[in-house]
Protein backbone atom coordinates (compact mmCIF):
# COMPACT_ATOMS: atom_id res chain seq x y z
CA MET A 1 42.58 -34.70 96.25
CA ARG A 2 44.32 -34.88 99.60
CA PRO A 3 46.13 -31.88 101.03
CA ASP A 4 49.79 -31.97 100.17
CA ASN A 5 52.08 -33.20 102.94
CA ASP A 6 55.30 -31.93 101.38
CA SER A 7 57.65 -29.98 103.61
CA SER A 8 57.59 -27.00 101.25
CA VAL A 9 53.89 -26.63 101.99
CA ARG A 10 54.33 -27.27 105.70
CA GLY A 11 56.98 -24.60 105.88
CA ARG A 12 60.38 -25.14 107.47
CA GLY A 13 59.48 -28.29 109.36
CA GLN A 14 56.51 -26.79 111.21
CA GLY A 15 54.07 -29.45 110.03
CA PRO A 16 50.92 -29.01 107.96
CA PHE A 17 49.06 -27.47 110.93
CA GLY A 18 51.72 -24.97 111.94
CA SER A 19 53.54 -27.17 114.47
CA TRP A 20 55.19 -30.59 114.50
CA LEU A 21 53.35 -31.25 117.79
CA LEU A 22 50.12 -31.80 115.84
CA GLY A 23 51.55 -34.54 113.64
CA PRO A 24 51.26 -35.24 109.90
CA LEU A 25 48.17 -35.15 107.73
CA ASP A 26 47.95 -38.90 107.24
CA GLN A 27 48.17 -39.96 110.89
CA ASP A 28 45.91 -42.74 112.09
CA SER A 29 42.66 -41.65 113.77
CA ALA A 30 43.55 -43.50 116.99
CA VAL A 31 46.98 -41.85 117.08
CA LEU A 32 45.39 -38.46 116.45
CA ARG A 33 42.89 -39.02 119.26
CA ARG A 34 45.64 -39.92 121.76
CA ARG A 35 47.78 -37.01 120.61
CA VAL A 36 44.97 -34.45 120.97
CA GLN A 37 43.75 -35.87 124.27
CA GLY A 38 47.27 -35.78 125.71
CA LEU A 39 47.95 -32.24 124.54
CA LEU A 40 44.60 -30.94 125.72
CA THR A 41 44.84 -32.58 129.13
CA GLY A 42 48.44 -31.50 129.67
CA THR A 43 47.80 -27.93 128.55
CA LEU A 44 44.68 -27.50 130.67
CA ILE A 45 46.37 -28.96 133.76
CA ALA A 46 49.41 -26.68 133.33
CA THR A 47 47.24 -23.63 132.74
CA ASN A 48 45.06 -24.27 135.78
CA VAL A 49 48.05 -24.95 138.02
CA ILE A 50 49.64 -21.66 136.94
CA GLY A 51 46.34 -19.91 137.54
CA ALA A 52 46.19 -21.41 141.02
CA LEU A 53 49.72 -20.22 141.79
CA VAL A 54 48.74 -16.74 140.65
CA VAL A 55 45.76 -16.81 143.04
CA VAL A 56 47.92 -17.85 146.00
CA GLY A 57 50.65 -15.32 145.18
CA LEU A 58 48.28 -12.41 144.66
CA ALA A 59 46.28 -13.30 147.76
CA ALA A 60 49.46 -12.97 149.80
CA LEU A 61 50.32 -9.61 148.22
CA LEU A 62 46.99 -7.84 148.02
CA MET A 63 45.68 -8.27 151.56
CA PRO A 64 45.55 -5.05 153.59
CA ALA A 65 47.67 -6.11 156.54
CA PRO A 66 49.70 -9.17 157.54
CA GLY A 67 47.75 -9.77 160.72
CA MET A 68 44.40 -9.47 159.04
CA SER A 69 45.24 -11.55 156.00
CA GLY A 70 47.39 -14.35 157.46
CA ASP A 71 44.52 -16.71 158.18
CA LEU A 72 43.01 -16.12 154.77
CA VAL A 73 46.31 -16.71 153.00
CA ARG A 74 46.78 -19.99 154.90
CA VAL A 75 43.22 -21.07 154.06
CA THR A 76 43.76 -20.08 150.44
CA ALA A 77 47.05 -21.96 150.25
CA ILE A 78 45.26 -25.13 151.38
CA ALA A 79 41.96 -24.68 149.58
CA VAL A 80 43.38 -23.71 146.19
CA PRO A 81 45.40 -26.92 145.57
CA VAL A 82 42.47 -29.06 146.75
CA TYR A 83 40.06 -27.26 144.47
CA VAL A 84 42.46 -27.21 141.50
CA VAL A 85 43.03 -30.98 141.71
CA SER A 86 39.30 -31.57 141.88
CA ALA A 87 38.63 -29.10 139.06
CA VAL A 88 41.29 -30.63 136.83
CA VAL A 89 39.79 -34.09 137.24
CA VAL A 90 36.30 -32.80 136.54
CA GLY A 91 37.56 -30.68 133.66
CA ALA A 92 39.42 -33.60 132.05
CA LEU A 93 36.36 -35.85 132.27
CA TRP A 94 33.82 -33.20 131.36
CA GLY A 95 35.75 -31.12 128.85
CA THR A 96 38.25 -33.36 127.07
CA ARG A 97 36.10 -36.47 126.87
CA GLY A 98 33.06 -34.43 125.89
CA ALA A 99 35.08 -32.78 123.13
CA LEU A 100 36.27 -36.12 121.78
CA ARG A 101 32.70 -37.43 121.81
CA THR A 102 31.77 -34.50 119.59
CA LEU A 103 34.58 -35.54 117.26
CA ARG A 104 33.49 -39.19 117.12
CA TRP A 105 32.77 -38.91 113.37
CA ALA A 106 36.52 -38.55 112.74
CA ALA A 107 37.28 -41.79 114.61
CA ASP A 108 34.57 -43.51 112.55
CA GLY A 109 36.27 -42.34 109.37
CA ARG A 110 33.22 -40.60 107.91
CA THR A 111 32.39 -37.13 106.64
CA PRO A 112 30.66 -35.00 109.29
CA SER A 113 27.17 -33.64 108.81
CA ASP A 114 26.64 -29.87 108.84
CA GLU A 115 25.58 -30.06 112.51
CA GLU A 116 28.63 -32.15 113.44
CA ARG A 117 30.91 -29.80 111.51
CA ALA A 118 29.55 -26.77 113.34
CA ALA A 119 29.78 -28.56 116.71
CA SER A 120 33.38 -29.60 115.97
CA LEU A 121 34.42 -26.02 115.24
CA ARG A 122 32.81 -24.94 118.54
CA VAL A 123 34.83 -27.43 120.63
CA PRO A 124 37.44 -24.82 121.69
CA LEU A 125 34.60 -22.57 122.89
CA ARG A 126 33.07 -25.51 124.74
CA LEU A 127 36.36 -26.21 126.50
CA THR A 128 36.59 -22.54 127.44
CA LEU A 129 33.08 -22.59 128.88
CA VAL A 130 34.04 -25.61 131.00
CA GLN A 131 36.98 -23.65 132.38
CA ALA A 132 34.76 -20.62 132.92
CA VAL A 133 32.26 -22.67 134.92
CA LEU A 134 35.00 -24.23 137.07
CA TRP A 135 36.66 -20.87 137.76
CA GLY A 136 33.27 -19.29 138.36
CA ILE A 137 32.65 -21.88 141.05
CA ALA A 138 36.14 -21.17 142.39
CA THR A 139 35.33 -17.45 142.61
CA VAL A 140 32.20 -18.20 144.66
CA VAL A 141 33.98 -20.75 146.88
CA PHE A 142 36.91 -18.49 147.72
CA GLY A 143 34.60 -15.51 148.13
CA VAL A 144 32.67 -17.48 150.77
CA LEU A 145 35.92 -18.54 152.47
CA ALA A 146 37.06 -14.93 152.54
CA ALA A 147 33.73 -13.85 154.02
CA LEU A 148 34.06 -16.44 156.77
CA VAL A 149 37.72 -15.79 157.59
CA GLN A 150 38.24 -12.10 156.82
CA PRO A 151 35.13 -10.24 155.52
CA ARG A 152 37.04 -7.04 154.75
CA VAL A 153 38.99 -8.68 151.92
CA VAL A 154 36.10 -10.44 150.19
CA LEU A 155 36.19 -8.07 147.22
CA THR A 156 39.95 -8.44 146.85
CA GLU A 157 39.70 -12.23 146.97
CA LEU A 158 36.94 -12.25 144.36
CA LEU A 159 39.02 -9.95 142.16
CA VAL A 160 42.10 -12.19 142.40
CA VAL A 161 40.26 -15.41 141.54
CA ALA A 162 38.19 -13.84 138.76
CA PHE A 163 41.33 -12.28 137.27
CA ALA A 164 43.15 -15.63 137.22
CA GLY A 165 40.05 -17.39 135.81
CA ILE A 166 39.69 -14.97 132.92
CA VAL A 167 43.33 -15.34 131.92
CA VAL A 168 43.10 -19.14 132.16
CA CYS A 169 39.98 -19.14 129.99
CA ALA A 170 41.67 -17.02 127.33
CA ILE A 171 44.66 -19.33 127.19
CA ALA A 172 42.43 -22.42 127.24
CA TYR A 173 40.53 -21.18 124.20
CA LEU A 174 43.65 -20.36 122.20
CA ALA A 175 45.34 -23.64 123.18
CA GLY A 176 42.21 -25.62 122.34
CA GLU A 177 41.89 -23.95 118.95
CA PHE A 178 45.54 -24.72 118.24
CA ILE A 179 45.50 -28.35 119.43
CA LEU A 180 42.25 -29.16 117.58
CA ARG A 181 43.50 -27.94 114.18
CA PRO A 182 43.76 -31.50 112.76
CA TYR A 183 40.08 -32.10 113.56
CA ALA A 184 39.13 -28.69 112.18
CA ALA A 185 40.97 -29.59 108.95
CA LEU A 186 39.04 -32.87 108.71
CA ALA A 187 35.76 -31.07 109.37
CA LEU A 188 36.45 -28.40 106.75
CA ALA A 189 37.91 -30.74 104.12
CA GLY A 190 36.09 -30.49 100.81
CA THR A 191 34.02 -27.46 101.85
CA SER A 192 33.98 -24.01 100.26
CA PRO A 193 32.25 -21.76 102.82
CA ASP A 194 31.29 -18.29 101.68
CA ARG A 195 31.48 -16.81 105.18
CA PRO A 196 33.42 -17.50 108.41
CA LEU A 197 32.11 -20.51 110.33
CA SER A 198 33.41 -19.58 113.77
CA GLY A 199 33.45 -15.80 114.04
CA GLY A 200 35.77 -13.38 112.33
CA VAL A 201 39.34 -12.27 112.88
CA ASN A 202 38.17 -8.87 114.14
CA LEU A 203 36.05 -10.50 116.84
CA ARG A 204 38.89 -12.82 117.77
CA MET A 205 41.41 -9.98 118.10
CA LEU A 206 39.03 -7.79 120.13
CA LEU A 207 38.10 -10.69 122.40
CA PHE A 208 41.67 -11.59 123.19
CA TRP A 209 42.69 -8.01 123.67
CA CYS A 210 39.96 -7.83 126.30
CA LEU A 211 40.96 -11.11 127.93
CA GLY A 212 44.73 -10.74 127.65
CA THR A 213 45.11 -7.02 128.21
CA GLY A 214 41.86 -5.20 128.98
CA VAL A 215 40.64 -7.30 131.90
CA PRO A 216 44.08 -7.66 133.58
CA VAL A 217 44.72 -3.93 133.33
CA ALA A 218 41.23 -3.26 134.64
CA GLY A 219 42.10 -5.51 137.59
CA LEU A 220 45.21 -3.46 138.18
CA VAL A 221 43.14 -0.26 138.20
CA VAL A 222 40.56 -1.78 140.57
CA THR A 223 43.35 -2.82 142.94
CA ALA A 224 44.64 0.73 143.08
CA VAL A 225 41.10 2.08 143.62
CA LEU A 226 40.49 -0.39 146.49
CA ALA A 227 43.75 0.61 148.15
CA TRP A 228 42.81 4.27 147.82
CA VAL A 229 39.29 3.73 149.20
CA ARG A 230 40.45 1.67 152.19
CA GLY A 231 43.19 4.14 152.99
CA ASP A 232 45.04 1.63 155.23
CA VAL A 233 47.45 0.29 152.63
CA SER A 234 51.00 1.51 152.87
CA THR A 235 52.84 2.93 149.91
CA THR A 236 55.22 -0.02 149.95
CA LYS A 237 52.38 -2.53 150.00
CA LEU A 238 50.62 -0.76 147.16
CA ALA A 239 53.83 -0.60 145.13
CA ILE A 240 54.48 -4.33 145.65
CA SER A 241 50.88 -5.15 144.70
CA VAL A 242 51.04 -3.04 141.54
CA ILE A 243 54.40 -4.54 140.55
CA ALA A 244 53.13 -8.08 141.12
CA LEU A 245 49.95 -7.50 139.17
CA GLY A 246 51.88 -5.69 136.45
CA LEU A 247 54.26 -8.62 136.03
CA VAL A 248 51.34 -11.05 135.83
CA VAL A 249 49.64 -8.84 133.25
CA LEU A 250 52.83 -8.65 131.20
CA VAL A 251 53.49 -12.39 131.27
CA PHE A 252 49.94 -13.55 130.59
CA GLY A 253 49.34 -10.72 128.11
CA LEU A 254 52.45 -11.81 126.22
CA LEU A 255 51.33 -15.44 126.28
CA VAL A 256 47.87 -14.58 124.95
CA THR A 257 49.40 -12.31 122.29
CA VAL A 258 51.83 -15.04 121.16
CA PHE A 259 49.00 -17.59 120.83
CA THR A 260 46.84 -15.06 118.99
CA ALA A 261 49.67 -14.13 116.63
CA ARG A 262 50.35 -17.78 115.83
CA ALA A 263 46.66 -18.35 115.19
CA VAL A 264 46.78 -15.57 112.58
CA VAL A 265 50.23 -16.15 111.10
CA ASN A 266 50.16 -19.94 110.64
CA PRO A 267 47.27 -20.02 108.11
CA ILE A 268 48.85 -17.12 106.20
CA ARG A 269 52.21 -18.86 106.20
CA SER A 270 50.67 -22.06 104.84
CA VAL A 271 49.24 -20.06 101.93
CA GLN A 272 52.58 -18.31 101.42
CA HIS A 273 54.50 -21.57 101.07
CA ALA A 274 51.83 -23.06 98.84
CA LEU A 275 52.05 -20.00 96.58
CA GLY A 276 55.76 -20.71 96.27
CA ARG A 277 54.90 -24.20 95.03
CA VAL A 278 52.49 -22.75 92.46
CA ARG A 279 55.12 -20.28 91.25
CA ALA A 280 57.44 -23.25 90.76
CA GLY A 281 54.82 -24.89 88.50
CA ASP A 282 53.25 -27.36 90.95
CA PHE A 283 49.50 -26.81 90.51
CA ALA A 284 48.53 -29.98 92.38
CA VAL A 285 49.31 -28.43 95.78
CA GLU A 286 46.51 -28.23 98.37
CA ILE A 287 46.76 -26.96 101.93
CA PRO A 288 44.67 -28.13 104.89
CA VAL A 289 41.93 -25.70 105.93
CA TYR A 290 41.90 -25.65 109.72
CA ASP A 291 40.61 -22.16 110.60
CA GLY A 292 36.94 -21.19 110.73
CA THR A 293 37.54 -17.43 110.35
CA GLU A 294 38.40 -15.34 107.26
CA LEU A 295 41.82 -17.01 107.41
CA GLY A 296 40.15 -20.35 106.71
CA LEU A 297 38.32 -18.73 103.80
CA LEU A 298 41.74 -17.60 102.54
CA GLN A 299 43.05 -21.17 102.73
CA ALA A 300 39.94 -22.56 101.03
CA GLY A 301 40.12 -19.81 98.42
CA PHE A 302 43.72 -20.71 97.63
CA ASN A 303 42.76 -24.35 97.18
CA GLY A 304 39.97 -23.33 94.82
CA MET A 305 42.40 -21.14 92.90
CA ALA A 306 44.94 -23.98 92.68
CA VAL A 307 42.28 -26.32 91.30
CA GLY A 308 41.36 -23.72 88.69
CA LEU A 309 45.00 -23.18 87.77
CA ALA A 310 45.57 -26.92 87.50
CA GLU A 311 42.56 -27.25 85.20
CA ARG A 312 43.74 -24.29 83.14
CA GLU A 313 47.24 -25.78 82.89
CA ARG A 314 45.80 -29.13 81.84
CA LEU A 315 43.70 -27.45 79.14
CA ARG A 316 46.69 -25.39 77.99
CA ASP A 317 48.81 -28.54 77.79
CA LEU A 318 46.06 -30.39 75.94
CA PHE A 319 45.56 -27.41 73.61
CA GLY A 320 49.29 -27.29 72.96
CA ARG A 321 49.40 -31.00 72.15
CA HIS A 322 46.59 -30.59 69.63
CA VAL A 323 47.75 -27.46 67.83
CA GLY A 324 51.39 -27.13 68.92
CA GLU A 325 52.85 -25.19 71.83
CA ASP A 326 53.85 -22.22 69.67
CA VAL A 327 50.35 -21.92 68.21
CA ALA A 328 48.82 -22.24 71.67
CA SER A 329 51.12 -19.56 73.08
CA GLU A 330 50.38 -17.26 70.15
CA ALA A 331 46.63 -17.83 70.55
CA MET A 332 46.77 -16.94 74.24
CA ARG A 333 48.96 -13.91 73.59
CA THR A 334 46.96 -12.38 70.75
CA SER A 335 43.31 -12.12 69.72
CA THR A 336 41.83 -15.21 68.08
CA GLU A 337 40.56 -13.74 64.85
CA LEU A 338 40.10 -15.32 61.44
CA GLY A 339 42.62 -14.45 58.73
CA GLY A 340 46.38 -14.38 58.63
CA THR A 341 49.57 -12.70 57.50
CA VAL A 342 51.97 -13.34 54.62
CA ARG A 343 55.10 -15.16 55.74
CA THR A 344 58.07 -16.74 54.01
CA VAL A 345 58.31 -20.21 55.49
CA SER A 346 59.54 -23.70 54.75
CA VAL A 347 57.11 -26.59 54.60
CA LEU A 348 57.87 -30.26 55.24
CA PHE A 349 55.39 -32.93 54.19
CA VAL A 350 55.67 -36.60 55.19
CA ASP A 351 53.42 -39.30 53.77
CA LEU A 352 53.48 -43.01 54.56
CA ILE A 353 54.05 -45.40 51.63
CA GLY A 354 51.62 -48.29 51.26
CA SER A 355 49.31 -47.31 54.10
CA THR A 356 46.33 -49.06 52.46
CA ALA A 357 48.16 -52.36 52.25
CA LEU A 358 49.46 -51.89 55.77
CA ALA A 359 45.95 -51.42 57.17
CA ALA A 360 44.64 -54.42 55.26
CA SER A 361 47.36 -56.81 56.38
CA ARG A 362 47.60 -56.00 60.10
CA PRO A 363 45.15 -55.72 63.02
CA PRO A 364 43.95 -52.17 63.76
CA GLU A 365 45.77 -52.07 67.11
CA GLU A 366 49.06 -52.94 65.44
CA VAL A 367 48.50 -50.34 62.73
CA VAL A 368 47.87 -47.67 65.36
CA GLY A 369 51.03 -48.69 67.20
CA LEU A 370 53.12 -48.42 64.01
CA LEU A 371 51.62 -45.05 63.15
CA ASN A 372 52.41 -43.76 66.64
CA ARG A 373 56.05 -44.86 66.28
CA PHE A 374 56.15 -43.28 62.83
CA PHE A 375 54.73 -39.97 63.99
CA ALA A 376 56.93 -39.99 67.12
CA VAL A 377 60.01 -39.78 64.89
CA VAL A 378 58.46 -36.97 62.83
CA VAL A 379 57.42 -34.92 65.88
CA ASP A 380 60.76 -35.48 67.60
CA GLU A 381 62.82 -34.17 64.69
CA VAL A 382 60.47 -31.30 63.86
CA ASP A 383 60.56 -30.16 67.49
CA ARG A 384 64.33 -30.55 67.60
CA ASN A 385 64.56 -28.14 64.66
CA HIS A 386 62.06 -25.64 66.11
CA GLY A 387 59.30 -26.41 63.66
CA LEU A 388 55.58 -26.96 64.16
CA VAL A 389 53.70 -30.14 63.25
CA ASN A 390 50.63 -28.30 62.03
CA LYS A 391 48.39 -31.28 61.36
CA PHE A 392 48.18 -35.04 60.97
CA VAL A 393 46.20 -36.10 57.92
CA GLY A 394 45.57 -39.82 58.24
CA ASP A 395 49.01 -41.31 57.60
CA ALA A 396 50.66 -38.01 56.67
CA ALA A 397 51.96 -35.00 58.55
CA LEU A 398 52.46 -31.34 57.63
CA ALA A 399 55.19 -29.39 59.44
CA ILE A 400 55.91 -25.65 59.20
CA PHE A 401 59.17 -23.83 59.87
CA GLY A 402 58.85 -20.06 60.32
CA ALA A 403 55.26 -19.71 61.56
CA PRO A 404 53.77 -18.79 63.93
CA VAL A 405 57.24 -18.13 65.41
CA ARG A 406 59.51 -16.41 62.91
CA LEU A 407 62.73 -18.28 62.08
CA GLU A 408 65.47 -16.62 60.05
CA ASP A 409 66.98 -20.00 59.09
CA HIS A 410 63.69 -21.85 58.48
CA ALA A 411 64.93 -23.48 55.26
CA THR A 412 68.06 -24.81 56.97
CA LEU A 413 66.02 -26.26 59.82
CA ALA A 414 63.39 -27.82 57.53
CA LEU A 415 66.02 -29.51 55.33
CA SER A 416 67.92 -30.75 58.39
CA ALA A 417 64.70 -32.16 59.85
CA GLY A 418 63.88 -33.88 56.54
CA ARG A 419 67.27 -35.62 56.41
CA ALA A 420 67.01 -36.70 60.05
CA ILE A 421 63.46 -38.07 59.61
CA SER A 422 64.49 -40.03 56.50
CA ARG A 423 67.48 -41.53 58.32
CA ARG A 424 65.60 -42.41 61.51
CA LEU A 425 62.55 -43.90 59.80
CA ALA A 426 64.77 -46.28 57.85
CA ALA A 427 66.59 -47.33 61.03
CA GLU A 428 63.83 -47.27 63.68
CA VAL A 429 60.55 -47.89 61.82
CA PRO A 430 61.49 -49.85 58.68
CA GLU A 431 57.90 -51.14 58.42
CA CYS A 432 56.78 -47.56 57.65
CA PRO A 433 58.68 -46.14 54.65
CA ALA A 434 57.58 -42.63 53.80
CA GLY A 435 58.07 -39.99 51.15
CA ILE A 436 59.32 -36.61 52.39
CA GLY A 437 59.11 -33.29 50.57
CA VAL A 438 60.51 -29.88 51.53
CA ALA A 439 59.61 -26.56 49.90
CA THR A 440 60.16 -22.86 50.65
CA GLY A 441 58.11 -19.79 49.71
CA GLU A 442 55.44 -17.30 50.71
CA VAL A 443 52.25 -18.48 52.44
CA VAL A 444 49.36 -16.96 54.36
CA ALA A 445 49.63 -18.15 57.95
CA GLY A 446 46.69 -17.70 60.29
CA ASN A 447 43.32 -18.95 61.50
CA VAL A 448 41.00 -20.55 58.96
CA GLY A 449 37.44 -21.75 59.48
CA ASP A 450 34.52 -20.19 61.35
CA PRO A 451 34.54 -18.05 64.54
CA ARG A 452 32.93 -21.02 66.30
CA ARG A 453 35.55 -23.53 65.14
CA PHE A 454 38.82 -22.74 63.42
CA GLU A 455 42.40 -23.94 63.18
CA TYR A 456 45.80 -22.46 62.59
CA THR A 457 47.26 -23.40 59.22
CA VAL A 458 49.30 -22.15 56.26
CA ILE A 459 47.94 -21.78 52.74
CA GLY A 460 50.03 -21.19 49.67
CA ASP A 461 52.03 -22.64 46.80
CA PRO A 462 54.86 -24.07 48.99
CA VAL A 463 52.34 -26.35 50.75
CA ASN A 464 51.15 -27.80 47.43
CA GLU A 465 54.73 -28.02 46.18
CA ALA A 466 55.84 -29.98 49.25
CA ALA A 467 52.91 -32.39 48.83
CA ARG A 468 53.82 -33.01 45.16
CA LEU A 469 57.48 -33.50 46.05
CA THR A 470 56.40 -36.10 48.61
CA GLU A 471 54.61 -38.08 45.90
CA LEU A 472 57.74 -38.09 43.74
CA ALA A 473 59.97 -38.89 46.75
CA LYS A 474 58.20 -42.22 47.24
CA ASN A 475 59.84 -43.42 44.02
CA VAL A 476 63.43 -42.32 44.71
CA GLU A 477 65.99 -44.18 46.76
CA ALA A 478 66.45 -41.55 49.47
CA ARG A 479 62.65 -41.10 49.90
CA LEU A 480 63.41 -37.38 50.25
CA LEU A 481 63.15 -34.51 47.75
CA ALA A 482 63.37 -30.74 48.16
CA SER A 483 62.95 -27.78 45.85
CA TRP A 484 66.11 -26.02 44.77
CA THR A 485 64.53 -22.81 46.09
CA ALA A 486 64.73 -24.30 49.61
CA ILE A 487 68.39 -25.23 49.05
CA GLU A 488 69.23 -21.69 47.91
CA SER A 489 67.50 -20.28 51.03
CA ALA A 490 69.46 -22.54 53.41
CA ALA A 491 72.81 -21.92 55.03
CA GLU A 492 75.92 -23.09 53.20
CA GLY A 493 76.56 -25.86 55.70
CA GLU A 494 73.12 -27.43 55.08
CA ALA A 495 73.10 -26.73 51.32
CA ALA A 496 76.37 -28.70 51.02
CA HIS A 497 74.43 -31.90 51.88
CA TRP A 498 72.23 -31.56 48.78
CA ARG A 499 72.60 -31.81 45.00
CA ALA A 500 70.32 -30.84 42.12
CA THR A 501 68.92 -33.67 39.99
CA GLU A 502 66.40 -32.58 37.36
CA ASP A 503 63.71 -30.06 36.48
CA VAL A 504 60.15 -31.35 36.77
CA THR A 505 56.80 -29.62 36.20
CA LEU A 506 54.81 -30.75 39.20
CA ARG A 507 51.16 -31.66 38.88
CA GLY A 508 48.96 -28.57 39.00
CA ARG A 509 51.86 -26.14 38.29
CA THR A 510 52.87 -24.34 35.09
CA ARG A 511 56.57 -23.73 35.69
CA PRO A 512 59.22 -26.39 36.32
CA THR A 513 60.72 -27.11 39.74
CA THR A 514 64.37 -28.02 40.17
CA LEU A 515 64.56 -31.08 42.38
CA ALA A 516 67.23 -31.68 45.00
CA THR A 517 68.11 -34.86 46.87
CA PRO A 518 70.57 -35.57 49.69
CA LYS A 519 74.08 -36.51 48.68
CA SER A 520 74.78 -40.16 49.42
């Protein structure tokens, strides 16, 4: 079962992965590769360029004196762009292409092995390590340049570059994790992990607090300590430096926090919208699992729950079709014990006329088709009148009105259903004439059988009476007979459609039954 691509699961046009930038679920592998490569390359270039600008700006602000730092600032302004361009090229070739090689299984259209799945989920970390290596080299390079041009500011220069590198690495990881969600979803499709595959949410939140807030603030503190130790920094210079660093901390801290929040909220939101679909009765919904933390376990757990609910709904529907929806609902609402209760109900019995001859003269497939048309009329009218088709017995059907759901006007509904069935069978299925009998009285309604296998049914004199009336009805013109007791129990409007004919002692009974037939 593929994850659902409906907008109600995606959530307000955000796409199945939390953003329309990542495309739909069913996008072609080549399109997905180009999309991810473009987003990764563009994001990493923009992040490194911003980091480089931060280095140049902070280098100009944090030097101890204009005369002492001018040469270094000019060298930095030239060296940083040269290094950034070189690093971006190396990073694109080393990081992006290496990541896509790890994801080759997706382009081949095959399911990844466990090793490939684990490597795919580590791609964002791999991209971050590439950035860390490049910025580590940058820290060494600019530290050497500072030592050659102005040795007194080596520590400040190292601090500036390291600070920018850490922030860039944090953003690179979050951006990589976001952009690679479609591949993570493909890697995790069909899996049910029992533990996080790429670290937990706690670790993620602590890590990004350190990278987005802890380290930048620590840099701010170190800057103040250096100014205090050197003692040659003016109050104005220190204030400007602190303000500049503070603004950088606020901006990059906000950016890291926004990415982190989206990484947490998007999986939860996908589950939220999918739950809305389930509440609306759509149990076929499935959401893509694209997170390797506990949030991914939440997504996978929802999918497992939806599968279980769909199976339960299918069984409930199948159960209801076999025993009737009312019986199924009653069985699920109450304990399934043997025995029953005394109820006053109306019973309708329908039996096909000449079924033996019908089966002998027609192919089995045609007989089954006729029986299905015959029973479709019976079920339709019984349902329309709030009754229950309790069982099919070969070419006959037994319907109950008043159990398991109590009906005050059960006799009225049973008689109305009998007249409608008689009329429709003659018009719609003339090949299947049937006798119909309706009776009213007390029965025991409940579960009969064995605790291992039982069925809901009604037992009592009205059931036998309806069956005998059906036998007699086969020989009357209307093909429909009812007991006068049923007519007396019905509403005046329904009783007006019937007339008494004669008293007959039915087979197996000792007292006569007054027969009633519909008025012509």
